[in-house]
Amino acid sequence: MTTEEPKSKEITIVLSLLPGLGHYYLGQVNRGLQLFVAFFGCWFLLELLQVDIWLLLVAIYIFGIYDVIQQFDRVVKKGMTEDIPIVRWNERTKAQTSWVGWLLILLGCYLILDRLLPQWFGPTAYETLRISLGAILLILLGIRLVTGSWRPFSTGRKGRTGR
């Protein structure tokens, strides 16, 4: 017969200095895992892409500490033990999560443009190609926003048969 020992707020806060660990201590595995993946995923992108997203990294870190304090009150003081994830992926539709796919595509294109093309074509050709591709992307996005379709002369509506 085991009884769960009472949770300590101080231990929870100290453990939350590693994003997600305080949530694990409170028994909120899903929430802790999401914070862990978000923090270290952003850190990985920061190192891989060498872009300045430190503000996002700091925001996730601070949110993790703030959230673990809120969850401590929920779990320990109010007795609510439900592990509610920060993002409920299973309730999202394809339209709601397609932005993740577009983000990954853009990051992949950025890596190709930033890391591979200068090695393949040299610095001058690289700059020309990079600016050209950026301009084409802006034009295509503008067409998409204006017409609702990727085709320049489309009205964005379906044909008369509705197929």
N, C-alpha and C. Protein backbone atom coordinates (compact mmCIF):
# COMPACT_ATOMS: atom_id res chain seq x y z
N MET A 1 0.85 -1.16 0.00
CA MET A 1 0.00 0.00 0.00
C MET A 1 0.90 1.24 0.00
N THR A 2 0.82 2.02 -1.09
CA THR A 2 1.64 3.22 -1.18
C THR A 2 0.74 4.43 -1.20
N THR A 3 1.17 5.42 -0.52
CA THR A 3 0.46 6.70 -0.56
C THR A 3 1.36 7.71 -1.23
N GLU A 4 0.73 8.56 -2.00
CA GLU A 4 1.50 9.57 -2.72
C GLU A 4 1.92 10.65 -1.74
N GLU A 5 3.22 10.95 -1.74
CA GLU A 5 3.69 11.96 -0.81
C GLU A 5 3.30 13.35 -1.32
N PRO A 6 3.09 14.29 -0.41
CA PRO A 6 2.64 15.63 -0.81
C PRO A 6 3.71 16.31 -1.67
N LYS A 7 3.24 17.08 -2.64
CA LYS A 7 4.13 17.80 -3.55
C LYS A 7 4.59 19.09 -2.87
N SER A 8 5.83 19.44 -3.12
CA SER A 8 6.40 20.67 -2.57
C SER A 8 6.47 21.73 -3.66
N LYS A 9 6.00 22.94 -3.35
CA LYS A 9 6.03 24.03 -4.33
C LYS A 9 7.46 24.41 -4.68
N GLU A 10 8.35 24.40 -3.70
CA GLU A 10 9.74 24.76 -3.95
C GLU A 10 10.40 23.75 -4.90
N ILE A 11 10.17 22.46 -4.64
CA ILE A 11 10.75 21.43 -5.52
C ILE A 11 10.18 21.55 -6.93
N THR A 12 8.89 21.82 -7.01
CA THR A 12 8.24 21.98 -8.31
C THR A 12 8.88 23.11 -9.10
N ILE A 13 9.11 24.25 -8.45
CA ILE A 13 9.70 25.41 -9.12
C ILE A 13 11.15 25.13 -9.53
N VAL A 14 11.91 24.50 -8.64
CA VAL A 14 13.31 24.18 -8.97
C VAL A 14 13.36 23.21 -10.15
N LEU A 15 12.50 22.20 -10.14
CA LEU A 15 12.48 21.25 -11.25
C LEU A 15 12.03 21.91 -12.56
N SER A 16 11.19 22.94 -12.45
CA SER A 16 10.70 23.60 -13.67
C SER A 16 11.78 24.44 -14.34
N LEU A 17 12.94 24.60 -13.71
CA LEU A 17 14.04 25.31 -14.37
C LEU A 17 14.51 24.55 -15.60
N LEU A 18 14.25 23.25 -15.64
CA LEU A 18 14.41 22.47 -16.88
C LEU A 18 12.99 22.33 -17.43
N PRO A 19 12.68 22.99 -18.54
CA PRO A 19 11.30 23.05 -19.02
C PRO A 19 10.64 21.67 -19.09
N GLY A 20 9.47 21.58 -18.47
CA GLY A 20 8.68 20.36 -18.48
C GLY A 20 8.87 19.47 -17.28
N LEU A 21 9.99 19.57 -16.61
CA LEU A 21 10.28 18.66 -15.51
C LEU A 21 9.38 18.90 -14.30
N GLY A 22 9.06 20.14 -14.02
CA GLY A 22 8.13 20.45 -12.93
C GLY A 22 6.75 19.87 -13.19
N HIS A 23 6.34 19.88 -14.45
CA HIS A 23 5.05 19.29 -14.82
C HIS A 23 5.07 17.77 -14.63
N TYR A 24 6.20 17.15 -14.98
CA TYR A 24 6.35 15.70 -14.75
C TYR A 24 6.20 15.39 -13.25
N TYR A 25 6.82 16.21 -12.43
CA TYR A 25 6.76 16.02 -10.99
C TYR A 25 5.32 16.08 -10.48
N LEU A 26 4.51 16.95 -11.11
CA LEU A 26 3.11 17.07 -10.72
C LEU A 26 2.23 15.99 -11.35
N GLY A 27 2.83 15.16 -12.21
CA GLY A 27 2.06 14.09 -12.85
C GLY A 27 1.43 14.51 -14.17
N GLN A 28 1.82 15.66 -14.70
CA GLN A 28 1.27 16.14 -15.96
C GLN A 28 2.27 15.87 -17.09
N VAL A 29 2.29 14.62 -17.51
CA VAL A 29 3.29 14.17 -18.48
C VAL A 29 3.09 14.83 -19.83
N ASN A 30 1.85 14.89 -20.33
CA ASN A 30 1.61 15.49 -21.65
C ASN A 30 2.02 16.96 -21.68
N ARG A 31 1.62 17.68 -20.69
CA ARG A 31 1.94 19.11 -20.62
C ARG A 31 3.45 19.32 -20.51
N GLY A 32 4.09 18.52 -19.67
CA GLY A 32 5.54 18.63 -19.51
C GLY A 32 6.28 18.27 -20.79
N LEU A 33 5.82 17.23 -21.47
CA LEU A 33 6.47 16.83 -22.72
C LEU A 33 6.32 17.91 -23.78
N GLN A 34 5.16 18.53 -23.86
CA GLN A 34 4.97 19.59 -24.85
C GLN A 34 5.88 20.78 -24.56
N LEU A 35 6.02 21.16 -23.31
CA LEU A 35 6.94 22.27 -22.98
C LEU A 35 8.38 21.90 -23.29
N PHE A 36 8.76 20.68 -22.96
CA PHE A 36 10.11 20.20 -23.22
C PHE A 36 10.42 20.25 -24.72
N VAL A 37 9.50 19.70 -25.52
CA VAL A 37 9.70 19.65 -26.97
C VAL A 37 9.69 21.06 -27.56
N ALA A 38 8.79 21.92 -27.09
CA ALA A 38 8.74 23.30 -27.60
C ALA A 38 10.04 24.04 -27.30
N PHE A 39 10.52 23.93 -26.07
CA PHE A 39 11.73 24.66 -25.69
C PHE A 39 12.96 24.14 -26.44
N PHE A 40 13.18 22.84 -26.37
CA PHE A 40 14.39 22.32 -27.01
C PHE A 40 14.27 22.26 -28.53
N GLY A 41 13.04 22.19 -29.05
CA GLY A 41 12.85 22.29 -30.50
C GLY A 41 13.22 23.67 -31.00
N CYS A 42 12.81 24.71 -30.26
CA CYS A 42 13.20 26.07 -30.64
C CYS A 42 14.71 26.27 -30.50
N TRP A 43 15.28 25.68 -29.47
CA TRP A 43 16.72 25.78 -29.29
C TRP A 43 17.45 25.11 -30.46
N PHE A 44 16.96 23.95 -30.87
CA PHE A 44 17.54 23.24 -32.01
C PHE A 44 17.47 24.09 -33.27
N LEU A 45 16.29 24.69 -33.52
CA LEU A 45 16.15 25.54 -34.70
C LEU A 45 17.05 26.76 -34.62
N LEU A 46 17.20 27.29 -33.42
CA LEU A 46 18.08 28.43 -33.23
C LEU A 46 19.51 28.08 -33.63
N GLU A 47 19.96 26.91 -33.21
CA GLU A 47 21.32 26.48 -33.55
C GLU A 47 21.44 26.07 -35.02
N LEU A 48 20.44 25.36 -35.52
CA LEU A 48 20.50 24.86 -36.90
C LEU A 48 20.41 25.98 -37.91
N LEU A 49 19.44 26.85 -37.73
CA LEU A 49 19.20 27.91 -38.70
C LEU A 49 20.01 29.16 -38.43
N GLN A 50 20.56 29.26 -37.24
CA GLN A 50 21.32 30.43 -36.82
C GLN A 50 20.51 31.71 -37.02
N VAL A 51 19.27 31.66 -36.54
CA VAL A 51 18.41 32.84 -36.56
C VAL A 51 18.16 33.27 -35.13
N ASP A 52 17.84 34.53 -34.98
CA ASP A 52 17.64 35.07 -33.64
C ASP A 52 16.18 34.92 -33.21
N ILE A 53 15.89 33.78 -32.57
CA ILE A 53 14.57 33.56 -32.00
C ILE A 53 14.70 33.41 -30.49
N TRP A 54 15.66 34.11 -29.93
CA TRP A 54 15.89 34.03 -28.48
C TRP A 54 14.67 34.48 -27.71
N LEU A 55 13.95 35.46 -28.23
CA LEU A 55 12.78 35.96 -27.53
C LEU A 55 11.73 34.86 -27.38
N LEU A 56 11.53 34.07 -28.41
CA LEU A 56 10.59 32.95 -28.34
C LEU A 56 11.07 31.92 -27.32
N LEU A 57 12.34 31.65 -27.32
CA LEU A 57 12.92 30.70 -26.37
C LEU A 57 12.72 31.17 -24.92
N VAL A 58 12.97 32.45 -24.68
CA VAL A 58 12.77 33.01 -23.35
C VAL A 58 11.29 33.00 -22.97
N ALA A 59 10.42 33.29 -23.93
CA ALA A 59 8.98 33.28 -23.65
C ALA A 59 8.50 31.88 -23.26
N ILE A 60 8.96 30.87 -23.95
CA ILE A 60 8.58 29.49 -23.61
C ILE A 60 9.11 29.14 -22.23
N TYR A 61 10.33 29.54 -21.93
CA TYR A 61 10.94 29.24 -20.63
C TYR A 61 10.15 29.89 -19.49
N ILE A 62 9.83 31.17 -19.65
CA ILE A 62 9.09 31.89 -18.62
C ILE A 62 7.67 31.32 -18.49
N PHE A 63 7.05 31.01 -19.63
CA PHE A 63 5.71 30.42 -19.58
C PHE A 63 5.73 29.09 -18.82
N GLY A 64 6.78 28.29 -19.03
CA GLY A 64 6.88 27.01 -18.34
C GLY A 64 6.92 27.17 -16.83
N ILE A 65 7.68 28.15 -16.36
CA ILE A 65 7.78 28.39 -14.91
C ILE A 65 6.45 28.94 -14.38
N TYR A 66 5.87 29.91 -15.10
CA TYR A 66 4.59 30.47 -14.68
C TYR A 66 3.51 29.38 -14.66
N ASP A 67 3.47 28.57 -15.72
CA ASP A 67 2.44 27.54 -15.83
C ASP A 67 2.58 26.48 -14.75
N VAL A 68 3.80 26.11 -14.40
CA VAL A 68 3.96 25.08 -13.37
C VAL A 68 3.48 25.59 -12.02
N ILE A 69 3.61 26.88 -11.76
CA ILE A 69 3.08 27.44 -10.51
C ILE A 69 1.56 27.38 -10.53
N GLN A 70 0.96 27.74 -11.68
CA GLN A 70 -0.50 27.66 -11.80
C GLN A 70 -0.98 26.22 -11.67
N GLN A 71 -0.27 25.30 -12.29
CA GLN A 71 -0.66 23.89 -12.24
C GLN A 71 -0.47 23.32 -10.84
N PHE A 72 0.53 23.79 -10.12
CA PHE A 72 0.72 23.34 -8.74
C PHE A 72 -0.52 23.67 -7.91
N ASP A 73 -1.01 24.90 -8.06
CA ASP A 73 -2.22 25.29 -7.33
C ASP A 73 -3.41 24.42 -7.74
N ARG A 74 -3.51 24.12 -9.04
CA ARG A 74 -4.61 23.30 -9.54
C ARG A 74 -4.53 21.88 -9.00
N VAL A 75 -3.33 21.31 -9.07
CA VAL A 75 -3.15 19.91 -8.72
C VAL A 75 -3.14 19.69 -7.21
N VAL A 76 -2.34 20.46 -6.51
CA VAL A 76 -2.15 20.20 -5.09
C VAL A 76 -3.25 20.84 -4.23
N LYS A 77 -3.52 22.11 -4.47
CA LYS A 77 -4.46 22.80 -3.59
C LYS A 77 -5.91 22.48 -3.91
N LYS A 78 -6.25 22.36 -5.20
CA LYS A 78 -7.64 22.13 -5.58
C LYS A 78 -7.94 20.66 -5.86
N GLY A 79 -6.91 19.84 -5.94
CA GLY A 79 -7.10 18.41 -6.15
C GLY A 79 -7.44 18.01 -7.58
N MET A 80 -7.26 18.91 -8.54
CA MET A 80 -7.54 18.60 -9.95
C MET A 80 -6.33 17.92 -10.55
N THR A 81 -6.48 16.67 -10.93
CA THR A 81 -5.33 15.91 -11.40
C THR A 81 -5.33 15.65 -12.91
N GLU A 82 -6.29 16.20 -13.63
CA GLU A 82 -6.36 15.95 -15.07
C GLU A 82 -5.16 16.59 -15.78
N ASP A 83 -4.53 15.80 -16.64
CA ASP A 83 -3.37 16.26 -17.41
C ASP A 83 -3.86 16.85 -18.73
N ILE A 84 -4.06 18.16 -18.74
CA ILE A 84 -4.57 18.83 -19.94
C ILE A 84 -3.38 19.35 -20.73
N PRO A 85 -3.18 18.84 -21.96
CA PRO A 85 -2.05 19.33 -22.75
C PRO A 85 -2.24 20.79 -23.14
N ILE A 86 -1.15 21.47 -23.43
CA ILE A 86 -1.20 22.87 -23.84
C ILE A 86 -1.84 22.97 -25.22
N VAL A 87 -1.43 22.11 -26.13
CA VAL A 87 -2.00 22.04 -27.47
C VAL A 87 -2.64 20.66 -27.62
N ARG A 88 -3.90 20.64 -27.90
CA ARG A 88 -4.63 19.37 -28.06
C ARG A 88 -4.61 18.98 -29.53
N TRP A 89 -3.58 18.24 -29.93
CA TRP A 89 -3.39 17.88 -31.32
C TRP A 89 -4.49 16.99 -31.86
N ASN A 90 -5.03 16.10 -31.04
CA ASN A 90 -6.03 15.16 -31.54
C ASN A 90 -7.35 15.84 -31.87
N GLU A 91 -7.58 17.06 -31.43
CA GLU A 91 -8.82 17.77 -31.71
C GLU A 91 -8.66 18.75 -32.87
N ARG A 92 -7.52 18.83 -33.47
CA ARG A 92 -7.28 19.76 -34.57
C ARG A 92 -7.69 19.12 -35.90
N THR A 93 -8.15 19.96 -36.81
CA THR A 93 -8.46 19.48 -38.15
C THR A 93 -7.27 19.75 -39.05
N LYS A 94 -7.33 19.22 -40.27
CA LYS A 94 -6.23 19.41 -41.20
C LYS A 94 -6.02 20.89 -41.51
N ALA A 95 -7.10 21.63 -41.66
CA ALA A 95 -6.98 23.06 -41.96
C ALA A 95 -6.32 23.82 -40.82
N GLN A 96 -6.56 23.41 -39.59
CA GLN A 96 -5.99 24.10 -38.45
C GLN A 96 -4.52 23.79 -38.25
N THR A 97 -4.07 22.62 -38.66
CA THR A 97 -2.67 22.26 -38.44
C THR A 97 -1.82 22.34 -39.70
N SER A 98 -2.40 22.76 -40.83
CA SER A 98 -1.61 22.84 -42.05
C SER A 98 -0.50 23.89 -41.93
N TRP A 99 -0.64 24.85 -41.02
CA TRP A 99 0.40 25.86 -40.85
C TRP A 99 1.70 25.22 -40.39
N VAL A 100 1.62 24.11 -39.67
CA VAL A 100 2.84 23.42 -39.25
C VAL A 100 3.57 22.89 -40.48
N GLY A 101 2.82 22.32 -41.41
CA GLY A 101 3.41 21.83 -42.65
C GLY A 101 4.06 22.95 -43.45
N TRP A 102 3.36 24.08 -43.56
CA TRP A 102 3.93 25.22 -44.29
C TRP A 102 5.18 25.75 -43.59
N LEU A 103 5.17 25.76 -42.29
CA LEU A 103 6.35 26.20 -41.55
C LEU A 103 7.55 25.30 -41.83
N LEU A 104 7.32 23.99 -41.83
CA LEU A 104 8.41 23.06 -42.11
C LEU A 104 8.92 23.21 -43.54
N ILE A 105 8.01 23.43 -44.49
CA ILE A 105 8.42 23.64 -45.88
C ILE A 105 9.27 24.91 -45.99
N LEU A 106 8.83 25.99 -45.35
CA LEU A 106 9.59 27.24 -45.39
C LEU A 106 10.96 27.10 -44.73
N LEU A 107 11.02 26.38 -43.61
CA LEU A 107 12.31 26.18 -42.95
C LEU A 107 13.25 25.35 -43.82
N GLY A 108 12.71 24.35 -44.49
CA GLY A 108 13.52 23.55 -45.41
C GLY A 108 14.05 24.38 -46.56
N CYS A 109 13.19 25.22 -47.14
CA CYS A 109 13.63 26.11 -48.23
C CYS A 109 14.68 27.09 -47.73
N TYR A 110 14.50 27.59 -46.53
CA TYR A 110 15.49 28.51 -45.96
C TYR A 110 16.84 27.82 -45.82
N LEU A 111 16.84 26.59 -45.34
CA LEU A 111 18.10 25.87 -45.20
C LEU A 111 18.79 25.67 -46.55
N ILE A 112 18.00 25.31 -47.55
CA ILE A 112 18.58 25.13 -48.89
C ILE A 112 19.17 26.44 -49.39
N LEU A 113 18.40 27.51 -49.27
CA LEU A 113 18.87 28.81 -49.75
C LEU A 113 20.09 29.32 -48.98
N ASP A 114 20.04 29.13 -47.69
CA ASP A 114 21.09 29.73 -46.86
C ASP A 114 22.36 28.89 -46.79
N ARG A 115 22.23 27.59 -46.84
CA ARG A 115 23.40 26.73 -46.62
C ARG A 115 23.95 26.06 -47.88
N LEU A 116 23.07 25.62 -48.76
CA LEU A 116 23.55 24.83 -49.90
C LEU A 116 23.85 25.65 -51.14
N LEU A 117 22.98 26.59 -51.48
CA LEU A 117 23.16 27.33 -52.73
C LEU A 117 24.47 28.10 -52.80
N PRO A 118 24.95 28.74 -51.72
CA PRO A 118 26.23 29.45 -51.84
C PRO A 118 27.38 28.50 -52.17
N GLN A 119 27.30 27.27 -51.68
CA GLN A 119 28.36 26.30 -51.97
C GLN A 119 28.28 25.81 -53.41
N TRP A 120 27.07 25.69 -53.93
CA TRP A 120 26.89 25.16 -55.28
C TRP A 120 27.17 26.20 -56.36
N PHE A 121 26.71 27.44 -56.17
CA PHE A 121 26.73 28.42 -57.25
C PHE A 121 27.69 29.58 -57.02
N GLY A 122 28.23 29.73 -55.85
CA GLY A 122 29.07 30.88 -55.55
C GLY A 122 28.23 32.02 -55.01
N PRO A 123 28.88 32.99 -54.38
CA PRO A 123 28.14 34.05 -53.69
C PRO A 123 27.28 34.93 -54.60
N THR A 124 27.75 35.31 -55.79
CA THR A 124 27.00 36.22 -56.65
C THR A 124 25.74 35.56 -57.20
N ALA A 125 25.90 34.37 -57.74
CA ALA A 125 24.74 33.65 -58.28
C ALA A 125 23.76 33.30 -57.15
N TYR A 126 24.29 33.01 -55.99
CA TYR A 126 23.45 32.70 -54.84
C TYR A 126 22.55 33.88 -54.50
N GLU A 127 23.12 35.09 -54.41
CA GLU A 127 22.32 36.27 -54.08
C GLU A 127 21.25 36.52 -55.13
N THR A 128 21.59 36.38 -56.40
CA THR A 128 20.61 36.58 -57.47
C THR A 128 19.47 35.57 -57.36
N LEU A 129 19.82 34.31 -57.16
CA LEU A 129 18.81 33.26 -57.05
C LEU A 129 17.95 33.45 -55.81
N ARG A 130 18.55 33.81 -54.71
CA ARG A 130 17.81 34.01 -53.46
C ARG A 130 16.81 35.14 -53.59
N ILE A 131 17.22 36.25 -54.15
CA ILE A 131 16.32 37.40 -54.32
C ILE A 131 15.21 37.05 -55.31
N SER A 132 15.56 36.35 -56.38
CA SER A 132 14.55 35.95 -57.38
C SER A 132 13.51 35.02 -56.77
N LEU A 133 13.95 34.02 -56.02
CA LEU A 133 13.01 33.10 -55.40
C LEU A 133 12.14 33.81 -54.36
N GLY A 134 12.72 34.73 -53.63
CA GLY A 134 11.93 35.50 -52.66
C GLY A 134 10.87 36.33 -53.35
N ALA A 135 11.22 36.95 -54.48
CA ALA A 135 10.25 37.75 -55.23
C ALA A 135 9.14 36.88 -55.79
N ILE A 136 9.48 35.71 -56.33
CA ILE A 136 8.48 34.79 -56.86
C ILE A 136 7.54 34.32 -55.75
N LEU A 137 8.08 34.03 -54.60
CA LEU A 137 7.26 33.59 -53.47
C LEU A 137 6.28 34.70 -53.05
N LEU A 138 6.75 35.95 -53.00
CA LEU A 138 5.86 37.06 -52.64
C LEU A 138 4.76 37.24 -53.68
N ILE A 139 5.10 37.10 -54.95
CA ILE A 139 4.10 37.23 -56.01
C ILE A 139 3.05 36.12 -55.89
N LEU A 140 3.50 34.88 -55.69
CA LEU A 140 2.56 33.77 -55.56
C LEU A 140 1.65 33.93 -54.34
N LEU A 141 2.22 34.36 -53.23
CA LEU A 141 1.39 34.59 -52.04
C LEU A 141 0.39 35.72 -52.27
N GLY A 142 0.80 36.76 -52.98
CA GLY A 142 -0.12 37.85 -53.31
C GLY A 142 -1.25 37.36 -54.20
N ILE A 143 -0.93 36.55 -55.20
CA ILE A 143 -1.95 35.97 -56.08
C ILE A 143 -2.93 35.13 -55.26
N ARG A 144 -2.39 34.34 -54.36
CA ARG A 144 -3.23 33.48 -53.53
C ARG A 144 -4.18 34.31 -52.67
N LEU A 145 -3.68 35.40 -52.09
CA LEU A 145 -4.52 36.24 -51.24
C LEU A 145 -5.58 37.00 -52.04
N VAL A 146 -5.21 37.47 -53.24
CA VAL A 146 -6.15 38.25 -54.05
C VAL A 146 -7.23 37.37 -54.67
N THR A 147 -6.83 36.24 -55.24
CA THR A 147 -7.78 35.42 -55.98
C THR A 147 -8.32 34.23 -55.20
N GLY A 148 -7.66 33.85 -54.15
CA GLY A 148 -8.08 32.66 -53.41
C GLY A 148 -7.62 31.38 -54.09
N SER A 149 -6.76 31.49 -55.09
CA SER A 149 -6.28 30.32 -55.82
C SER A 149 -4.81 30.54 -56.17
N TRP A 150 -4.12 29.46 -56.49
CA TRP A 150 -2.71 29.58 -56.87
C TRP A 150 -2.56 29.91 -58.35
N ARG A 151 -3.66 29.86 -59.11
CA ARG A 151 -3.58 30.20 -60.54
C ARG A 151 -3.86 31.68 -60.73
N PRO A 152 -3.03 32.41 -61.49
CA PRO A 152 -3.15 33.86 -61.58
C PRO A 152 -4.47 34.36 -62.15
N PHE A 153 -5.11 33.63 -63.07
CA PHE A 153 -6.31 34.14 -63.73
C PHE A 153 -7.57 33.43 -63.26
N SER A 154 -7.48 32.76 -62.13
CA SER A 154 -8.63 32.05 -61.58
C SER A 154 -9.39 32.99 -60.65
N THR A 155 -10.69 32.77 -60.55
CA THR A 155 -11.50 33.56 -59.63
C THR A 155 -11.56 32.92 -58.27
N GLY A 156 -11.02 31.71 -58.15
CA GLY A 156 -11.02 31.02 -56.88
C GLY A 156 -12.30 30.25 -56.64
N ARG A 157 -13.23 30.27 -57.61
CA ARG A 157 -14.49 29.55 -57.47
C ARG A 157 -14.43 28.24 -58.24
N LYS A 158 -15.27 27.33 -57.84
CA LYS A 158 -15.35 26.05 -58.56
C LYS A 158 -16.14 26.25 -59.84
N GLY A 159 -15.99 25.30 -60.74
CA GLY A 159 -16.72 25.36 -62.01
C GLY A 159 -18.22 25.30 -61.80
N ARG A 160 -18.97 25.45 -62.90
CA ARG A 160 -20.43 25.48 -62.82
C ARG A 160 -21.02 24.19 -62.31
N THR A 161 -20.32 23.08 -62.50
CA THR A 161 -20.86 21.79 -62.05
C THR A 161 -20.64 21.60 -60.57
N GLY A 162 -19.77 22.39 -59.96
CA GLY A 162 -19.51 22.30 -58.52
C GLY A 162 -18.61 21.15 -58.14
N ARG A 163 -17.91 20.59 -59.10
CA ARG A 163 -17.00 19.47 -58.81
C ARG A 163 -15.67 19.94 -58.34
